[in-house]
Protein backbone atom coordinates (compact mmCIF):
# COMPACT_ATOMS: atom_id res chain seq x y z
CA MET A 1 0.00 0.00 0.00
CA THR A 2 1.23 3.52 -0.78
CA LYS A 3 2.28 5.32 2.37
CA ASN A 4 4.22 8.45 1.37
CA VAL A 5 2.63 11.59 -0.02
CA ILE A 6 4.61 13.95 -2.26
CA PHE A 7 3.11 17.38 -2.96
CA ASP A 8 3.67 20.00 -5.59
CA ILE A 9 3.70 23.50 -4.08
CA GLY A 10 2.58 26.20 -6.54
CA ALA A 11 -1.15 26.14 -7.42
CA VAL A 12 -1.60 23.22 -5.01
CA LEU A 13 -0.62 24.60 -1.59
CA ILE A 14 0.06 28.23 -2.45
CA ASP A 15 -1.80 30.42 -4.90
CA TRP A 16 0.65 31.65 -7.55
CA ASN A 17 -0.45 33.53 -10.66
CA PRO A 18 1.49 36.32 -12.43
CA SER A 19 -1.79 37.90 -13.49
CA TYR A 20 -2.36 39.01 -9.90
CA LEU A 21 0.54 41.42 -10.31
CA TYR A 22 0.01 42.45 -13.92
CA SER A 23 -3.69 43.18 -13.44
CA LYS A 24 -2.42 46.15 -11.39
CA MET A 25 -0.09 47.31 -14.17
CA LEU A 26 -1.96 46.62 -17.40
CA PRO A 27 -5.49 47.62 -18.39
CA ASP A 28 -7.11 44.24 -19.04
CA LYS A 29 -6.65 40.51 -19.63
CA THR A 30 -5.91 41.03 -23.31
CA ALA A 31 -3.01 43.35 -22.54
CA ILE A 32 -1.65 40.90 -19.99
CA ALA A 33 -1.85 38.01 -22.46
CA GLU A 34 -0.12 40.09 -25.13
CA PHE A 35 2.74 40.94 -22.77
CA PHE A 36 3.14 37.31 -21.69
CA GLU A 37 3.21 36.13 -25.30
CA GLU A 38 5.55 38.87 -26.52
CA VAL A 39 8.30 38.17 -23.98
CA ASP A 40 7.53 34.43 -23.61
CA PHE A 41 6.93 34.93 -19.90
CA ALA A 42 6.22 31.24 -19.28
CA GLY A 43 9.48 30.17 -20.91
CA TRP A 44 11.41 32.88 -19.08
CA ASN A 45 9.94 31.76 -15.77
CA ARG A 46 10.84 28.14 -16.49
CA GLY A 47 14.43 29.25 -17.00
CA LEU A 48 14.39 30.80 -13.54
CA ASP A 49 12.86 27.64 -12.07
CA ALA A 50 15.66 25.70 -13.73
CA GLY A 51 18.30 27.62 -11.80
CA GLY A 52 18.55 30.99 -13.57
CA ARG A 53 19.45 34.04 -11.51
CA TRP A 54 16.87 36.80 -11.30
CA GLY A 55 19.23 39.73 -11.71
CA ASP A 56 20.79 38.28 -14.84
CA ALA A 57 17.45 37.17 -16.26
CA VAL A 58 15.86 40.60 -15.80
CA LEU A 59 18.79 42.33 -17.49
CA GLU A 60 18.79 39.93 -20.41
CA LEU A 61 15.05 40.07 -21.08
CA SER A 62 14.87 43.83 -20.57
CA GLY A 63 17.67 44.20 -23.08
CA ARG A 64 15.62 42.39 -25.69
CA PHE A 65 12.38 44.16 -24.81
CA PRO A 66 13.39 47.59 -23.47
CA HIS A 67 9.86 48.98 -23.93
CA ARG A 68 8.70 46.32 -21.44
CA ARG A 69 11.44 46.95 -18.89
CA GLU A 70 9.16 48.19 -16.10
CA LEU A 71 6.92 45.14 -16.41
CA ILE A 72 9.86 42.73 -16.53
CA GLU A 73 11.55 44.31 -13.51
CA ALA A 74 8.26 44.12 -11.60
CA ALA A 75 8.31 40.34 -11.86
CA HIS A 76 11.39 40.42 -9.64
CA LEU A 77 10.79 43.45 -7.45
CA ARG A 78 7.08 42.82 -6.85
CA TRP A 79 7.16 39.04 -7.08
CA HIS A 80 5.17 38.46 -3.89
CA GLU A 81 2.19 40.19 -5.45
CA MET A 82 1.90 37.13 -7.69
CA LEU A 83 1.56 35.03 -4.55
CA PRO A 84 -1.21 36.38 -2.32
CA GLY A 85 -1.47 33.44 0.05
CA ALA A 86 -2.05 29.78 0.71
CA ILE A 87 -4.76 27.54 -0.71
CA ASP A 88 -6.39 26.95 2.64
CA GLY A 89 -8.30 23.78 1.73
CA THR A 90 -5.15 22.00 0.62
CA VAL A 91 -3.20 23.21 3.64
CA ALA A 92 -5.94 21.73 5.84
CA ILE A 93 -5.46 18.39 4.07
CA LEU A 94 -1.69 18.62 4.56
CA GLU A 95 -2.20 19.23 8.26
CA GLN A 96 -4.61 16.28 8.53
CA LEU A 97 -1.98 14.06 6.97
CA ALA A 98 0.69 15.45 9.28
CA ASP A 99 -1.52 14.77 12.30
CA LYS A 100 -1.76 11.13 11.13
CA GLU A 101 2.08 11.06 10.89
CA THR A 102 1.95 10.42 7.16
CA PRO A 103 5.45 10.85 5.67
CA LEU A 104 5.24 14.06 3.61
CA TYR A 105 7.56 15.31 0.89
CA ALA A 106 7.44 17.90 -1.90
CA ILE A 107 8.85 18.41 -5.38
CA THR A 108 8.47 21.90 -6.79
CA ASN A 109 9.47 23.81 -9.90
CA TYR A 110 10.64 26.98 -8.16
CA SER A 111 13.39 29.58 -8.32
CA SER A 112 16.02 29.06 -5.63
CA GLU A 113 16.06 32.76 -4.79
CA LYS A 114 12.30 33.06 -4.49
CA TRP A 115 12.06 29.80 -2.57
CA VAL A 116 14.06 31.27 0.30
CA GLU A 117 11.61 34.18 0.49
CA THR A 118 8.58 31.89 0.21
CA CYS A 119 9.69 29.62 3.06
CA ARG A 120 9.64 32.60 5.40
CA ARG A 121 5.99 33.22 4.58
CA PHE A 122 4.49 29.74 4.94
CA PRO A 123 5.22 27.90 8.19
CA PHE A 124 3.31 24.78 7.10
CA PHE A 125 6.33 23.76 5.01
CA ARG A 126 7.70 22.41 8.29
CA HIS A 127 5.51 19.33 7.79
CA PHE A 128 7.68 18.14 4.91
CA ARG A 129 10.55 15.79 5.62
CA ASP A 130 12.24 16.96 2.42
CA ILE A 131 11.50 19.41 -0.39
CA VAL A 132 13.18 19.02 -3.77
CA VAL A 133 13.45 22.46 -5.41
CA SER A 134 14.08 22.56 -9.14
CA GLY A 135 16.19 25.70 -8.97
CA ASP A 136 18.60 24.00 -6.58
CA GLU A 137 18.79 20.82 -8.64
CA ARG A 138 18.74 22.54 -12.06
CA LEU A 139 16.09 20.05 -13.14
CA LEU A 140 12.43 20.61 -13.93
CA LYS A 141 9.40 18.39 -13.66
CA PRO A 142 8.48 16.29 -15.56
CA ASP A 143 12.11 15.20 -16.04
CA PRO A 144 12.28 11.73 -14.42
CA ALA A 145 15.53 12.69 -12.72
CA ILE A 146 13.88 15.16 -10.34
CA TYR A 147 11.45 12.53 -9.05
CA HIS A 148 14.34 10.10 -8.60
CA ILE A 149 16.20 12.69 -6.51
CA CYS A 150 13.29 12.73 -4.05
CA LEU A 151 13.10 8.94 -3.95
CA GLU A 152 16.83 8.27 -3.65
CA ARG A 153 17.57 11.07 -1.19
CA ASN A 154 14.90 9.79 1.17
CA GLY A 155 15.17 6.04 0.65
CA LEU A 156 11.70 5.76 -0.88
CA ASN A 157 10.31 3.21 -3.31
CA ALA A 158 8.21 4.64 -6.15
CA GLN A 159 5.38 2.16 -5.60
CA ASP A 160 5.07 3.33 -1.99
CA CYS A 161 4.41 6.96 -3.00
CA ILE A 162 1.71 9.15 -4.42
CA PHE A 163 2.39 12.50 -6.06
CA ILE A 164 -0.04 15.44 -6.27
CA ASP A 165 0.38 18.14 -8.94
CA ASP A 166 -1.85 20.57 -10.82
CA SER A 167 0.00 19.89 -14.10
CA PRO A 168 -1.13 16.77 -16.00
CA LYS A 169 2.34 16.52 -17.57
CA ASN A 170 3.96 16.42 -14.16
CA VAL A 171 1.50 13.77 -13.00
CA GLU A 172 2.32 11.72 -16.10
CA GLY A 173 6.01 12.13 -15.30
CA ALA A 174 5.45 10.62 -11.87
CA ASN A 175 3.34 7.78 -13.28
CA ALA A 176 6.09 6.99 -15.78
CA ILE A 177 8.54 6.04 -13.01
CA GLY A 178 5.99 4.09 -10.96
CA ILE A 179 4.68 6.76 -8.58
CA HIS A 180 0.89 6.98 -8.36
CA GLY A 181 0.06 10.45 -9.67
CA ILE A 182 -3.00 12.49 -8.71
CA HIS A 183 -4.05 15.49 -10.78
CA PHE A 184 -4.94 18.31 -8.41
CA GLU A 185 -8.03 20.31 -9.37
CA THR A 186 -9.63 21.40 -6.09
CA PRO A 187 -9.01 20.66 -2.41
CA GLU A 188 -12.39 18.92 -2.24
CA LYS A 189 -11.52 16.53 -5.06
CA LEU A 190 -8.10 15.91 -3.56
CA ALA A 191 -9.71 14.97 -0.24
CA ASP A 192 -11.92 12.47 -2.09
CA ASP A 193 -8.95 11.02 -3.97
CA LEU A 194 -6.94 10.61 -0.76
CA ALA A 195 -9.91 9.04 1.02
CA GLU A 196 -10.20 6.46 -1.77
CA LEU A 197 -6.55 5.57 -1.22
CA GLY A 198 -7.04 5.27 2.54
CA PHE A 199 -5.07 8.35 3.57
CA LEU A 200 -8.09 10.25 4.90
CA PRO A 201 -11.31 9.09 6.53
């Protein structure tokens, strides 16, 4: 029976969305989407999650898109405005599992620099025995290697673990190495999924 639970962090336990910031700086959703597409914001962010340094990344992207400099710099200087708080329903589930002494771990695609700041904000991270951060490892989900780091570093067997992530690709990545993946949609559905597996009443 599976006995270890591995969580994703962003959009599962904490609410992260760049639009929270850019809705304060741009007039509407169309303008935000145009900015994201023009500078390839998603790709740029993945580079940071893969170990890129914010100062260098801001300089490089601003150099290519000088007319967008203020918006690009804001991603670094006002980063916490993209992250207003926790997803309370999922945190409640995490705490239920912790109360039952379920072994808890996390694998997250996250910038090393921003991870340090984030840990100061969310004390519930203390429930995790280990957190694998992509920026530290210079690996991104769904690369099989990042899941193996979590398993090998903690002496875990894939078949004894479940993995929760909001990205279907990341769930498929876990499934591919023998971890039971759960696609996160809402805390309520996650509670049902965990109850079916015997983790929650």
